């Protein structure tokens, strides 16, 4: 079994305790093979910036021996919220061409669309998170 990736919206409390036992139970969207690094490069692409770990790092909020949960920072969520169809298409082409993805735009466009939908559902004390497990 490969790398598992789940994207979800929850409170910080739920996200901190999200692990293999709770995977898939909070309306998560599942994708395989993506880590925080791939999402960080997408953030830089959406913001039209060069990726730097100081600026584009996701915030680790939980983890165990073989799993990690990261929060998408508010500026990244905002970039996703405002992405329309043309921005999604352009970002998908650029993201697919990165060394981390090395694929085609049609492979990653559904991921970006899922991220945009999740970002648009963030409200109140809920944030957007990614959980990965080996």
Protein backbone atom coordinates (compact mmCIF):
# COMPACT_ATOMS: atom_id res chain seq x y z
CA UNK A 1 0.00 0.00 0.00
CA UNK A 2 1.39 3.40 -0.97
CA UNK A 3 1.22 6.82 0.56
CA UNK A 4 -2.30 7.76 1.65
CA UNK A 5 -3.42 11.38 1.48
CA UNK A 6 -6.65 12.84 2.82
CA UNK A 7 -7.80 16.45 2.63
CA UNK A 8 -10.41 17.61 5.11
CA UNK A 9 -11.98 20.57 6.89
CA UNK A 10 -12.25 20.36 10.68
CA UNK A 11 -11.53 22.13 13.93
CA UNK A 12 -7.94 22.17 15.16
CA UNK A 13 -8.92 19.77 17.94
CA UNK A 14 -10.25 17.16 15.51
CA UNK A 15 -7.29 17.65 13.15
CA UNK A 16 -4.70 17.15 15.91
CA UNK A 17 -6.09 13.73 16.74
CA UNK A 18 -6.77 12.68 13.13
CA UNK A 19 -4.91 9.43 12.49
CA UNK A 20 -5.31 6.09 10.77
CA UNK A 21 -8.26 5.25 13.04
CA UNK A 22 -10.22 8.36 12.07
CA UNK A 23 -9.18 8.47 8.42
CA UNK A 24 -12.12 8.99 6.12
CA UNK A 25 -14.57 9.83 8.91
CA UNK A 26 -14.80 13.63 8.63
CA UNK A 27 -15.80 13.96 4.99
CA UNK A 28 -12.26 13.66 3.72
CA UNK A 29 -11.32 13.69 0.07
CA UNK A 30 -8.78 10.96 -0.61
CA UNK A 31 -5.81 11.16 -2.97
CA UNK A 32 -2.72 9.00 -2.94
CA UNK A 33 0.90 9.99 -3.21
CA UNK A 34 0.76 13.66 -2.19
CA UNK A 35 2.60 15.16 0.76
CA UNK A 36 2.79 18.60 2.29
CA UNK A 37 5.65 19.45 -0.11
CA UNK A 38 3.50 19.03 -3.21
CA UNK A 39 0.80 21.25 -1.71
CA UNK A 40 3.42 23.84 -0.75
CA UNK A 41 4.62 24.03 -4.35
CA UNK A 42 1.02 24.48 -5.48
CA UNK A 43 0.64 27.39 -3.06
CA UNK A 44 3.68 29.10 -4.56
CA UNK A 45 2.28 28.54 -8.06
CA UNK A 46 -1.13 30.01 -7.15
CA UNK A 47 0.55 33.00 -5.51
CA UNK A 48 2.88 33.45 -8.54
CA UNK A 49 5.91 33.21 -6.27
CA UNK A 50 9.04 31.13 -6.10
CA UNK A 51 8.62 28.37 -3.51
CA UNK A 52 10.48 28.92 -0.25
CA UNK A 53 10.09 26.79 2.87
CA UNK A 54 9.95 29.89 5.06
CA UNK A 55 6.92 31.30 3.26
CA UNK A 56 5.04 28.28 1.88
CA UNK A 57 5.31 25.68 4.63
CA UNK A 58 2.15 23.98 5.83
CA UNK A 59 1.85 23.87 9.62
CA UNK A 60 2.27 20.45 11.23
CA UNK A 61 -0.46 19.94 13.85
CA UNK A 62 -0.19 16.22 14.56
CA UNK A 63 1.70 13.10 13.77
CA UNK A 64 2.79 9.66 14.75
CA UNK A 65 5.28 7.06 13.67
CA UNK A 66 4.00 6.88 10.11
CA UNK A 67 1.40 9.67 9.76
CA UNK A 68 1.31 13.48 9.76
CA UNK A 69 -1.38 16.14 9.74
CA UNK A 70 -0.73 19.63 8.36
CA UNK A 71 -2.90 22.75 8.37
CA UNK A 72 -3.18 24.88 5.26
CA UNK A 73 -2.32 28.46 6.32
CA UNK A 74 -5.02 31.10 5.82
CA UNK A 75 -3.21 32.83 2.90
CA UNK A 76 -3.08 29.51 1.01
CA UNK A 77 -6.76 28.83 1.71
CA UNK A 78 -7.55 32.33 0.41
CA UNK A 79 -5.57 31.69 -2.81
CA UNK A 80 -7.59 28.50 -3.29
CA UNK A 81 -10.93 30.22 -2.54
CA UNK A 82 -10.43 32.79 -5.26
CA UNK A 83 -9.19 30.35 -7.93
CA UNK A 84 -11.57 30.21 -10.86
CA UNK A 85 -11.57 27.81 -13.81
CA UNK A 86 -8.80 29.60 -15.73
CA UNK A 87 -6.57 29.88 -12.64
CA UNK A 88 -7.15 26.19 -11.90
CA UNK A 89 -6.20 25.24 -15.46
CA UNK A 90 -3.03 27.35 -15.44
CA UNK A 91 -2.05 26.10 -11.97
CA UNK A 92 -2.65 22.47 -12.98
CA UNK A 93 -0.31 22.80 -15.97
CA UNK A 94 2.40 24.44 -13.86
CA UNK A 95 2.00 22.03 -10.93
CA UNK A 96 2.08 18.98 -13.20
CA UNK A 97 5.37 20.22 -14.65
CA UNK A 98 7.10 20.41 -11.26
CA UNK A 99 9.71 17.84 -10.27
CA UNK A 100 7.50 16.79 -7.34
CA UNK A 101 4.53 15.91 -9.58
CA UNK A 102 6.10 15.17 -12.98
CA UNK A 103 2.80 14.41 -14.68
CA UNK A 104 0.12 15.99 -16.82
CA UNK A 105 -2.37 18.69 -15.96
CA UNK A 106 -5.36 16.37 -16.23
CA UNK A 107 -3.87 14.26 -13.41
CA UNK A 108 -3.76 17.13 -10.91
CA UNK A 109 -6.67 19.31 -11.97
CA UNK A 110 -9.16 17.18 -9.94
CA UNK A 111 -6.95 17.64 -6.88
CA UNK A 112 -6.94 21.42 -7.29
CA UNK A 113 -10.71 21.45 -7.81
CA UNK A 114 -11.14 19.43 -4.60
CA UNK A 115 -8.86 21.85 -2.76
CA UNK A 116 -10.86 24.82 -4.04
CA UNK A 117 -14.14 23.22 -2.94
CA UNK A 118 -12.72 22.46 0.51
CA UNK A 119 -11.31 25.98 0.85
CA UNK A 120 -14.71 27.42 0.02
CA UNK A 121 -16.24 25.37 2.85
CA UNK A 122 -13.84 26.67 5.52
CA UNK A 123 -15.63 28.89 8.02
CA UNK A 124 -15.71 29.83 11.67
CA UNK A 125 -13.24 27.88 13.76
CA UNK A 126 -12.64 25.22 11.10
CA UNK A 127 -9.50 24.99 9.02
CA UNK A 128 -8.29 22.98 6.07
CA UNK A 129 -5.91 20.07 6.62
CA UNK A 130 -3.99 17.34 4.86
CA UNK A 131 -3.29 13.98 6.52
CA UNK A 132 -0.69 11.65 5.05
CA UNK A 133 0.26 8.13 6.06
CA UNK A 134 2.85 5.68 4.85
